[in-house]
Structure formats: structure tokens, C-alpha cells
Amino acid sequence: MNASTEISGQASGVDGYAETQDFVTFVIANQLFGISVLQVQDVLAAHRITRIPLAPPEIAGSLNLRGRVVTVIDVRRRLGLNRREAGSSVMSIVVEHGQDLYSLMVDSVGEVLALATSDFDSNPPTLDPQFREYSAGIYRLDSKLLVVLDVDRLLDYGRSAVA
């Protein structure tokens, strides 16, 4: 048996402790973000979105994905950032939260990165407060900062109503 084996998106050492974790990366407003590849159900190009009357501004609407209704969240708006320019391209990352599917609208989707868990850091005090609220922590890459989004916090609307 090999000392390091691949187990469901994470490389595991001899003691079972994950040495790396895989993240799907994406960009919003020129900031690099990532979410665990284990949370990602699908990556979509632009889809036809049906508006939902009286929904909060960060809910862009819903779409039909293989017969399932998926709520579309404009992550840019959820983070309190400016609207994207009209006509700019968008992509979506589909995640499951509870029993429901959500499509996270982002500016662009990048690559999958395998990052050492030992390089993971907590949020620095200088991290933008708009990002800190939904961030699980960060990775300092060679030329960029990768903010790891906490999908559960991002999609917890009861929590934001209390805040």
C-alpha cells in the first residue's frame, strides 16, 4: 500500500490525516476564491434564469438543472460587492446545501488546486470584512490570496437575518 493515497478528493497520509485538499477556484471582482471540490456538484456556463418576485437582491432567480429547481445566488451581491457590468460573462458552481441545490454565480471559474492543509491559515485581520464574514480561512499562493468560502455560512439566510 502506498504511503499517500487519494481518498475522495483529499490525499491522505499514513495516519489518515489529510495532507492536501482540493479546491475549485473562481474569481469574483478580481479576488480569487475557492470551495472544496467535495462540495461541487456541477459547473455551468450561462443558463436561462427565471426571476423570483420579492426575493432578496442576491437571489438572481432559479434555473432548471436536469429536472431539479436550483436557486441561483449572485455571490457578488451576497458579498456586498457592486453589480457586474452589463454583458459581462458569468459562470455558476452548483453546490448542495441541506436537501437543496444552489447555483453560485461567479465571474469566472478557474482550475482545481490541491493545496497542503498545513498551508491553510485563519482569516487575517486585514481581510476585507465583506469576505471575512463568509470565509473559512485563506491560502497564500505565490502571486495571490485564495479566500476559502464557507458555503454553509454563505447560504445560511437565517444567520444573516439575525446579524
N, C-alpha and C. Protein backbone atom coordinates (compact mmCIF):
# COMPACT_ATOMS: atom_id res chain seq x y z
N MET A 1 0.84 -1.19 0.00
CA MET A 1 0.00 0.00 0.00
C MET A 1 0.88 1.24 0.00
N ASN A 2 0.51 2.22 -0.78
CA ASN A 2 1.24 3.47 -0.90
C ASN A 2 1.08 4.31 0.37
N ALA A 3 2.13 5.05 0.75
CA ALA A 3 2.07 5.88 1.96
C ALA A 3 1.08 7.01 1.83
N SER A 4 0.82 7.46 0.63
CA SER A 4 -0.15 8.53 0.41
C SER A 4 -1.15 8.08 -0.64
N THR A 5 -2.43 7.98 -0.26
CA THR A 5 -3.45 7.53 -1.19
C THR A 5 -4.51 8.60 -1.37
N GLU A 6 -5.18 8.55 -2.49
CA GLU A 6 -6.22 9.54 -2.80
C GLU A 6 -7.55 9.04 -2.23
N ILE A 7 -8.17 9.83 -1.37
CA ILE A 7 -9.44 9.46 -0.76
C ILE A 7 -10.41 10.61 -0.97
N SER A 8 -11.39 10.40 -1.82
CA SER A 8 -12.47 11.34 -2.08
C SER A 8 -12.03 12.81 -2.13
N GLY A 9 -11.08 13.11 -2.99
CA GLY A 9 -10.68 14.50 -3.20
C GLY A 9 -9.60 14.99 -2.27
N GLN A 10 -9.13 14.13 -1.38
CA GLN A 10 -8.08 14.54 -0.46
C GLN A 10 -7.00 13.47 -0.44
N ALA A 11 -5.74 13.90 -0.50
CA ALA A 11 -4.65 12.95 -0.36
C ALA A 11 -4.44 12.71 1.12
N SER A 12 -4.30 11.46 1.50
CA SER A 12 -4.22 11.11 2.90
C SER A 12 -2.88 10.44 3.21
N GLY A 13 -2.28 10.83 4.30
CA GLY A 13 -1.02 10.23 4.72
C GLY A 13 -1.26 8.92 5.43
N VAL A 14 -0.21 8.33 5.96
CA VAL A 14 -0.27 7.03 6.62
C VAL A 14 -1.25 7.04 7.79
N ASP A 15 -1.27 8.13 8.56
CA ASP A 15 -2.14 8.19 9.74
C ASP A 15 -3.58 8.59 9.40
N GLY A 16 -3.91 8.77 8.11
CA GLY A 16 -5.26 9.12 7.71
C GLY A 16 -5.52 10.62 7.70
N TYR A 17 -4.59 11.41 8.19
CA TYR A 17 -4.74 12.87 8.22
C TYR A 17 -4.56 13.41 6.80
N ALA A 18 -5.49 14.21 6.36
CA ALA A 18 -5.42 14.76 5.00
C ALA A 18 -4.24 15.71 4.87
N GLU A 19 -3.37 15.44 3.91
CA GLU A 19 -2.21 16.29 3.68
C GLU A 19 -2.51 17.40 2.69
N THR A 20 -3.43 17.13 1.76
CA THR A 20 -3.85 18.15 0.80
C THR A 20 -5.36 18.14 0.71
N GLN A 21 -5.87 19.26 0.26
CA GLN A 21 -7.30 19.37 -0.02
C GLN A 21 -7.45 20.03 -1.38
N ASP A 22 -8.41 19.53 -2.16
CA ASP A 22 -8.65 20.06 -3.50
C ASP A 22 -9.73 21.13 -3.45
N PHE A 23 -9.46 22.24 -4.15
CA PHE A 23 -10.40 23.35 -4.21
C PHE A 23 -10.71 23.71 -5.65
N VAL A 24 -11.99 23.95 -5.95
CA VAL A 24 -12.38 24.56 -7.21
C VAL A 24 -12.20 26.05 -7.01
N THR A 25 -11.44 26.69 -7.89
CA THR A 25 -11.17 28.12 -7.73
C THR A 25 -12.06 28.92 -8.67
N PHE A 26 -12.36 30.14 -8.26
CA PHE A 26 -13.17 31.04 -9.07
C PHE A 26 -12.82 32.47 -8.68
N VAL A 27 -13.20 33.39 -9.57
CA VAL A 27 -12.88 34.80 -9.37
C VAL A 27 -14.17 35.60 -9.27
N ILE A 28 -14.19 36.51 -8.31
CA ILE A 28 -15.26 37.50 -8.19
C ILE A 28 -14.58 38.82 -7.91
N ALA A 29 -14.85 39.82 -8.74
CA ALA A 29 -14.28 41.17 -8.59
C ALA A 29 -12.76 41.11 -8.41
N ASN A 30 -12.10 40.34 -9.24
CA ASN A 30 -10.63 40.19 -9.25
C ASN A 30 -10.06 39.53 -8.00
N GLN A 31 -10.88 38.95 -7.15
CA GLN A 31 -10.41 38.23 -5.96
C GLN A 31 -10.56 36.73 -6.22
N LEU A 32 -9.52 35.97 -5.91
CA LEU A 32 -9.53 34.52 -6.07
C LEU A 32 -10.18 33.87 -4.85
N PHE A 33 -11.15 33.00 -5.10
CA PHE A 33 -11.85 32.26 -4.06
C PHE A 33 -11.73 30.77 -4.36
N GLY A 34 -12.05 29.96 -3.37
CA GLY A 34 -12.08 28.52 -3.56
C GLY A 34 -13.10 27.88 -2.66
N ILE A 35 -13.66 26.77 -3.13
CA ILE A 35 -14.50 25.93 -2.28
C ILE A 35 -14.06 24.49 -2.50
N SER A 36 -14.24 23.69 -1.48
CA SER A 36 -13.82 22.30 -1.55
C SER A 36 -14.46 21.61 -2.75
N VAL A 37 -13.67 20.86 -3.48
CA VAL A 37 -14.17 20.13 -4.65
C VAL A 37 -15.26 19.14 -4.22
N LEU A 38 -15.22 18.69 -2.99
CA LEU A 38 -16.21 17.73 -2.50
C LEU A 38 -17.60 18.35 -2.40
N GLN A 39 -17.70 19.68 -2.34
CA GLN A 39 -18.99 20.35 -2.25
C GLN A 39 -19.58 20.66 -3.62
N VAL A 40 -18.79 20.55 -4.67
CA VAL A 40 -19.22 20.96 -6.00
C VAL A 40 -19.97 19.82 -6.70
N GLN A 41 -21.18 20.12 -7.14
CA GLN A 41 -21.99 19.15 -7.88
C GLN A 41 -21.81 19.31 -9.39
N ASP A 42 -21.62 20.56 -9.84
CA ASP A 42 -21.56 20.84 -11.27
C ASP A 42 -20.98 22.23 -11.49
N VAL A 43 -20.46 22.48 -12.68
CA VAL A 43 -20.02 23.81 -13.10
C VAL A 43 -20.77 24.11 -14.38
N LEU A 44 -21.42 25.29 -14.43
CA LEU A 44 -22.28 25.63 -15.56
C LEU A 44 -21.84 26.93 -16.23
N ALA A 45 -21.99 26.97 -17.54
CA ALA A 45 -21.86 28.23 -18.26
C ALA A 45 -23.19 28.97 -18.07
N ALA A 46 -23.36 30.07 -18.73
CA ALA A 46 -24.59 30.86 -18.59
C ALA A 46 -25.82 29.99 -18.83
N HIS A 47 -26.81 30.15 -17.98
CA HIS A 47 -28.07 29.42 -18.06
C HIS A 47 -29.21 30.43 -18.07
N ARG A 48 -30.36 30.01 -18.56
CA ARG A 48 -31.54 30.87 -18.50
C ARG A 48 -32.06 30.86 -17.07
N ILE A 49 -32.14 32.04 -16.48
CA ILE A 49 -32.55 32.18 -15.08
C ILE A 49 -33.93 32.83 -15.04
N THR A 50 -34.82 32.25 -14.26
CA THR A 50 -36.16 32.80 -14.06
C THR A 50 -36.14 33.63 -12.78
N ARG A 51 -36.53 34.90 -12.90
CA ARG A 51 -36.56 35.80 -11.74
C ARG A 51 -37.60 35.31 -10.72
N ILE A 52 -37.34 35.57 -9.45
CA ILE A 52 -38.26 35.21 -8.38
C ILE A 52 -38.76 36.52 -7.76
N PRO A 53 -40.05 36.83 -7.90
CA PRO A 53 -40.58 38.09 -7.35
C PRO A 53 -40.36 38.18 -5.84
N LEU A 54 -40.00 39.36 -5.38
CA LEU A 54 -39.84 39.69 -3.96
C LEU A 54 -38.69 38.95 -3.27
N ALA A 55 -37.81 38.32 -4.04
CA ALA A 55 -36.65 37.64 -3.45
C ALA A 55 -35.61 38.68 -3.05
N PRO A 56 -34.75 38.36 -2.08
CA PRO A 56 -33.66 39.27 -1.73
C PRO A 56 -32.79 39.56 -2.94
N PRO A 57 -32.11 40.71 -2.97
CA PRO A 57 -31.37 41.11 -4.17
C PRO A 57 -30.27 40.13 -4.59
N GLU A 58 -29.70 39.37 -3.66
CA GLU A 58 -28.63 38.44 -4.03
C GLU A 58 -29.16 37.15 -4.65
N ILE A 59 -30.47 36.94 -4.59
CA ILE A 59 -31.04 35.77 -5.26
C ILE A 59 -31.41 36.21 -6.67
N ALA A 60 -30.64 35.70 -7.63
CA ALA A 60 -30.82 36.10 -9.03
C ALA A 60 -32.05 35.44 -9.65
N GLY A 61 -32.51 34.34 -9.06
CA GLY A 61 -33.66 33.62 -9.57
C GLY A 61 -33.49 32.13 -9.40
N SER A 62 -34.05 31.38 -10.33
CA SER A 62 -33.92 29.92 -10.28
C SER A 62 -33.70 29.41 -11.70
N LEU A 63 -33.19 28.19 -11.78
CA LEU A 63 -32.99 27.54 -13.07
C LEU A 63 -33.35 26.09 -12.92
N ASN A 64 -33.56 25.45 -14.06
CA ASN A 64 -33.89 24.03 -14.09
C ASN A 64 -32.63 23.27 -14.49
N LEU A 65 -32.17 22.40 -13.62
CA LEU A 65 -30.99 21.60 -13.89
C LEU A 65 -31.40 20.13 -13.86
N ARG A 66 -31.56 19.54 -15.03
CA ARG A 66 -31.94 18.14 -15.16
C ARG A 66 -33.18 17.80 -14.32
N GLY A 67 -34.18 18.69 -14.40
CA GLY A 67 -35.44 18.44 -13.72
C GLY A 67 -35.51 18.93 -12.28
N ARG A 68 -34.43 19.45 -11.75
CA ARG A 68 -34.44 19.99 -10.38
C ARG A 68 -34.41 21.51 -10.42
N VAL A 69 -35.19 22.12 -9.55
CA VAL A 69 -35.18 23.57 -9.43
C VAL A 69 -33.99 23.96 -8.57
N VAL A 70 -33.16 24.86 -9.10
CA VAL A 70 -31.94 25.28 -8.43
C VAL A 70 -32.02 26.78 -8.17
N THR A 71 -31.83 27.20 -6.94
CA THR A 71 -31.81 28.62 -6.59
C THR A 71 -30.48 29.20 -7.00
N VAL A 72 -30.51 30.34 -7.71
CA VAL A 72 -29.29 30.98 -8.20
C VAL A 72 -28.94 32.15 -7.27
N ILE A 73 -27.74 32.07 -6.70
CA ILE A 73 -27.25 33.11 -5.79
C ILE A 73 -26.18 33.92 -6.51
N ASP A 74 -26.35 35.23 -6.56
CA ASP A 74 -25.31 36.10 -7.12
C ASP A 74 -24.32 36.35 -5.99
N VAL A 75 -23.22 35.62 -5.99
CA VAL A 75 -22.25 35.68 -4.89
C VAL A 75 -21.66 37.09 -4.77
N ARG A 76 -21.51 37.76 -5.89
CA ARG A 76 -21.01 39.13 -5.88
C ARG A 76 -21.93 40.01 -5.00
N ARG A 77 -23.21 39.89 -5.19
CA ARG A 77 -24.18 40.67 -4.40
C ARG A 77 -24.21 40.18 -2.95
N ARG A 78 -24.10 38.88 -2.74
CA ARG A 78 -24.12 38.32 -1.37
C ARG A 78 -22.94 38.83 -0.57
N LEU A 79 -21.81 39.05 -1.24
CA LEU A 79 -20.63 39.59 -0.57
C LEU A 79 -20.68 41.11 -0.43
N GLY A 80 -21.75 41.74 -0.92
CA GLY A 80 -21.89 43.19 -0.79
C GLY A 80 -21.10 43.97 -1.81
N LEU A 81 -20.72 43.33 -2.91
CA LEU A 81 -19.93 44.00 -3.94
C LEU A 81 -20.84 44.63 -4.99
N ASN A 82 -20.27 45.50 -5.81
CA ASN A 82 -21.03 46.14 -6.88
C ASN A 82 -21.52 45.11 -7.88
N ARG A 83 -22.59 45.47 -8.56
CA ARG A 83 -23.11 44.61 -9.63
C ARG A 83 -22.06 44.47 -10.72
N ARG A 84 -22.08 43.34 -11.41
CA ARG A 84 -21.16 43.16 -12.54
C ARG A 84 -21.67 44.01 -13.70
N GLU A 85 -20.76 44.35 -14.58
CA GLU A 85 -21.10 45.17 -15.73
C GLU A 85 -22.05 44.41 -16.65
N ALA A 86 -22.98 45.15 -17.25
CA ALA A 86 -23.94 44.53 -18.17
C ALA A 86 -23.18 43.87 -19.32
N GLY A 87 -23.61 42.68 -19.67
CA GLY A 87 -22.99 41.96 -20.77
C GLY A 87 -21.75 41.16 -20.40
N SER A 88 -21.27 41.30 -19.16
CA SER A 88 -20.10 40.52 -18.77
C SER A 88 -20.50 39.06 -18.54
N SER A 89 -19.58 38.16 -18.83
CA SER A 89 -19.89 36.74 -18.74
C SER A 89 -19.95 36.29 -17.28
N VAL A 90 -20.74 35.26 -17.04
CA VAL A 90 -20.85 34.66 -15.71
C VAL A 90 -20.80 33.15 -15.86
N MET A 91 -20.40 32.51 -14.79
CA MET A 91 -20.45 31.06 -14.70
C MET A 91 -21.07 30.72 -13.36
N SER A 92 -21.41 29.47 -13.17
CA SER A 92 -22.03 29.05 -11.93
C SER A 92 -21.41 27.76 -11.43
N ILE A 93 -21.32 27.68 -10.12
CA ILE A 93 -20.87 26.46 -9.45
C ILE A 93 -22.05 25.95 -8.64
N VAL A 94 -22.48 24.74 -8.93
CA VAL A 94 -23.65 24.17 -8.26
C VAL A 94 -23.18 23.40 -7.03
N VAL A 95 -23.80 23.74 -5.88
CA VAL A 95 -23.48 23.09 -4.62
C VAL A 95 -24.78 22.62 -3.97
N GLU A 96 -24.65 21.66 -3.07
CA GLU A 96 -25.81 21.21 -2.31
C GLU A 96 -25.70 21.76 -0.90
N HIS A 97 -26.83 22.26 -0.41
CA HIS A 97 -26.89 22.77 0.96
C HIS A 97 -28.20 22.25 1.55
N GLY A 98 -28.08 21.43 2.59
CA GLY A 98 -29.27 20.75 3.09
C GLY A 98 -29.73 19.78 2.02
N GLN A 99 -30.97 19.84 1.67
CA GLN A 99 -31.51 18.98 0.60
C GLN A 99 -31.66 19.73 -0.72
N ASP A 100 -31.24 21.00 -0.76
CA ASP A 100 -31.45 21.83 -1.93
C ASP A 100 -30.17 22.08 -2.70
N LEU A 101 -30.32 22.34 -4.00
CA LEU A 101 -29.19 22.72 -4.84
C LEU A 101 -29.19 24.24 -5.02
N TYR A 102 -27.99 24.80 -5.02
CA TYR A 102 -27.81 26.24 -5.24
C TYR A 102 -26.76 26.42 -6.33
N SER A 103 -27.02 27.38 -7.20
CA SER A 103 -26.07 27.75 -8.23
C SER A 103 -25.42 29.05 -7.79
N LEU A 104 -24.11 29.02 -7.57
CA LEU A 104 -23.38 30.20 -7.13
C LEU A 104 -22.83 30.93 -8.35
N MET A 105 -23.42 32.08 -8.69
CA MET A 105 -22.97 32.85 -9.85
C MET A 105 -21.67 33.55 -9.52
N VAL A 106 -20.66 33.33 -10.35
CA VAL A 106 -19.34 33.92 -10.16
C VAL A 106 -18.88 34.53 -11.49
N ASP A 107 -17.84 35.34 -11.45
CA ASP A 107 -17.34 35.97 -12.67
C ASP A 107 -16.69 34.96 -13.59
N SER A 108 -15.86 34.07 -13.05
CA SER A 108 -15.22 33.03 -13.85
C SER A 108 -14.78 31.89 -12.94
N VAL A 109 -14.69 30.71 -13.53
CA VAL A 109 -14.24 29.52 -12.79
C VAL A 109 -12.84 29.20 -13.28
N GLY A 110 -11.95 28.91 -12.34
CA GLY A 110 -10.56 28.61 -12.67
C GLY A 110 -10.31 27.12 -12.67
N GLU A 111 -9.19 26.75 -12.06
CA GLU A 111 -8.77 25.36 -12.05
C GLU A 111 -8.99 24.75 -10.67
N VAL A 112 -8.77 23.45 -10.60
CA VAL A 112 -8.80 22.76 -9.31
C VAL A 112 -7.37 22.75 -8.78
N LEU A 113 -7.21 23.24 -7.55
CA LEU A 113 -5.89 23.27 -6.92
C LEU A 113 -5.84 22.31 -5.75
N ALA A 114 -4.79 21.52 -5.65
CA ALA A 114 -4.53 20.67 -4.49
C ALA A 114 -3.58 21.44 -3.59
N LEU A 115 -4.05 21.83 -2.41
CA LEU A 115 -3.26 22.66 -1.51
C LEU A 115 -3.00 21.92 -0.21
N ALA A 116 -1.80 22.11 0.31
CA ALA A 116 -1.41 21.45 1.56
C ALA A 116 -2.21 22.02 2.72
N THR A 117 -2.79 21.13 3.52
CA THR A 117 -3.58 21.60 4.66
C THR A 117 -2.70 22.35 5.65
N SER A 118 -1.41 22.06 5.67
CA SER A 118 -0.51 22.77 6.59
C SER A 118 -0.33 24.24 6.20
N ASP A 119 -0.66 24.61 4.95
CA ASP A 119 -0.55 25.99 4.50
C ASP A 119 -1.81 26.81 4.74
N PHE A 120 -2.86 26.18 5.24
CA PHE A 120 -4.13 26.86 5.50
C PHE A 120 -3.98 27.77 6.70
N ASP A 121 -4.45 29.02 6.57
CA ASP A 121 -4.39 30.00 7.66
C ASP A 121 -5.78 30.51 7.99
N SER A 122 -5.93 30.97 9.22
CA SER A 122 -7.18 31.63 9.60
C SER A 122 -7.24 33.00 8.91
N ASN A 123 -8.38 33.61 8.95
CA ASN A 123 -8.55 34.91 8.31
C ASN A 123 -7.67 35.96 8.98
N PRO A 124 -6.88 36.68 8.19
CA PRO A 124 -6.08 37.74 8.78
C PRO A 124 -6.98 38.94 9.10
N PRO A 125 -6.60 39.75 10.07
CA PRO A 125 -7.43 40.91 10.43
C PRO A 125 -7.56 41.92 9.28
N THR A 126 -6.63 41.85 8.32
CA THR A 126 -6.67 42.79 7.21
C THR A 126 -7.58 42.33 6.07
N LEU A 127 -8.15 41.11 6.17
CA LEU A 127 -9.04 40.62 5.13
C LEU A 127 -10.29 41.49 5.08
N ASP A 128 -10.71 41.84 3.89
CA ASP A 128 -11.89 42.67 3.69
C ASP A 128 -13.06 42.11 4.50
N PRO A 129 -13.71 42.94 5.32
CA PRO A 129 -14.83 42.46 6.14
C PRO A 129 -15.95 41.82 5.32
N GLN A 130 -16.13 42.27 4.07
CA GLN A 130 -17.13 41.67 3.21
C GLN A 130 -16.81 40.21 2.92
N PHE A 131 -15.53 39.87 2.86
CA PHE A 131 -15.12 38.49 2.59
C PHE A 131 -15.04 37.70 3.90
N ARG A 132 -14.59 38.33 4.97
CA ARG A 132 -14.34 37.64 6.23
C ARG A 132 -15.59 36.94 6.77
N GLU A 133 -16.74 37.57 6.60
CA GLU A 133 -17.97 37.00 7.14
C GLU A 133 -18.27 35.61 6.57
N TYR A 134 -17.87 35.36 5.33
CA TYR A 134 -18.17 34.09 4.67
C TYR A 134 -16.93 33.26 4.39
N SER A 135 -15.81 33.63 4.97
CA SER A 135 -14.55 32.94 4.72
C SER A 135 -14.24 31.94 5.82
N ALA A 136 -13.79 30.75 5.41
CA ALA A 136 -13.34 29.74 6.37
C ALA A 136 -11.87 29.91 6.69
N GLY A 137 -11.16 30.66 5.85
CA GLY A 137 -9.73 30.87 6.02
C GLY A 137 -9.10 31.19 4.67
N ILE A 138 -7.77 31.20 4.63
CA ILE A 138 -7.07 31.61 3.41
C ILE A 138 -5.88 30.70 3.13
N TYR A 139 -5.44 30.77 1.89
CA TYR A 139 -4.16 30.21 1.46
C TYR A 139 -3.40 31.35 0.80
N ARG A 140 -2.15 31.51 1.17
CA ARG A 140 -1.29 32.48 0.50
C ARG A 140 -0.57 31.76 -0.63
N LEU A 141 -0.97 32.07 -1.87
CA LEU A 141 -0.35 31.47 -3.04
C LEU A 141 0.79 32.38 -3.49
N ASP A 142 1.56 31.95 -4.49
CA ASP A 142 2.71 32.72 -4.95
C ASP A 142 2.35 34.16 -5.28
N SER A 143 1.30 34.36 -6.05
CA SER A 143 1.00 35.72 -6.50
C SER A 143 -0.36 36.23 -6.05
N LYS A 144 -1.15 35.39 -5.34
CA LYS A 144 -2.49 35.79 -4.94
C LYS A 144 -2.86 35.21 -3.59
N LEU A 145 -3.92 35.76 -3.06
CA LEU A 145 -4.52 35.25 -1.83
C LEU A 145 -5.77 34.49 -2.23
N LEU A 146 -5.88 33.23 -1.80
CA LEU A 146 -7.06 32.43 -2.07
C LEU A 146 -7.93 32.45 -0.82
N VAL A 147 -9.13 32.99 -0.94
CA VAL A 147 -10.09 33.02 0.16
C VAL A 147 -10.98 31.79 0.03
N VAL A 148 -10.99 30.95 1.05
CA VAL A 148 -11.80 29.74 1.05
C VAL A 148 -13.19 30.10 1.57
N LEU A 149 -14.19 29.98 0.69
CA LEU A 149 -15.55 30.32 1.09
C LEU A 149 -16.17 29.21 1.92
N ASP A 150 -16.87 29.59 2.96
CA ASP A 150 -17.64 28.66 3.77
C ASP A 150 -19.05 28.66 3.18
N VAL A 151 -19.36 27.65 2.38
CA VAL A 151 -20.62 27.60 1.65
C VAL A 151 -21.80 27.57 2.62
N ASP A 152 -21.67 26.86 3.73
CA ASP A 152 -22.78 26.80 4.70
C ASP A 152 -23.11 28.18 5.24
N ARG A 153 -22.10 28.96 5.60
CA ARG A 153 -22.35 30.33 6.07
C ARG A 153 -22.91 31.21 4.96
N LEU A 154 -22.38 31.05 3.75
CA LEU A 154 -22.84 31.86 2.62
C LEU A 154 -24.32 31.64 2.35
N LEU A 155 -24.79 30.41 2.53
CA LEU A 155 -26.18 30.07 2.22
C LEU A 155 -27.09 30.06 3.44
N ASP A 156 -26.59 30.45 4.59
CA ASP A 156 -27.38 30.48 5.82
C ASP A 156 -28.08 31.83 5.94
N TYR A 157 -29.30 31.88 5.39
CA TYR A 157 -30.04 33.14 5.39
C TYR A 157 -30.61 33.48 6.76
N GLY A 158 -30.84 32.50 7.60
CA GLY A 158 -31.30 32.77 8.96
C GLY A 158 -30.23 33.51 9.75
N ARG A 159 -28.97 33.15 9.52
CA ARG A 159 -27.85 33.78 10.20
C ARG A 159 -27.72 35.24 9.82
N SER A 160 -27.88 35.56 8.52
CA SER A 160 -27.74 36.94 8.08
C SER A 160 -28.93 37.78 8.51
N ALA A 161 -30.09 37.17 8.71
CA ALA A 161 -31.26 37.94 9.17
C ALA A 161 -31.07 38.36 10.62
N VAL A 162 -30.37 37.53 11.41
CA VAL A 162 -30.10 37.85 12.81
C VAL A 162 -29.06 38.94 12.93
N ALA A 163 -28.07 38.93 12.03
CA ALA A 163 -26.93 39.87 12.08
C ALA A 163 -27.30 41.29 11.84
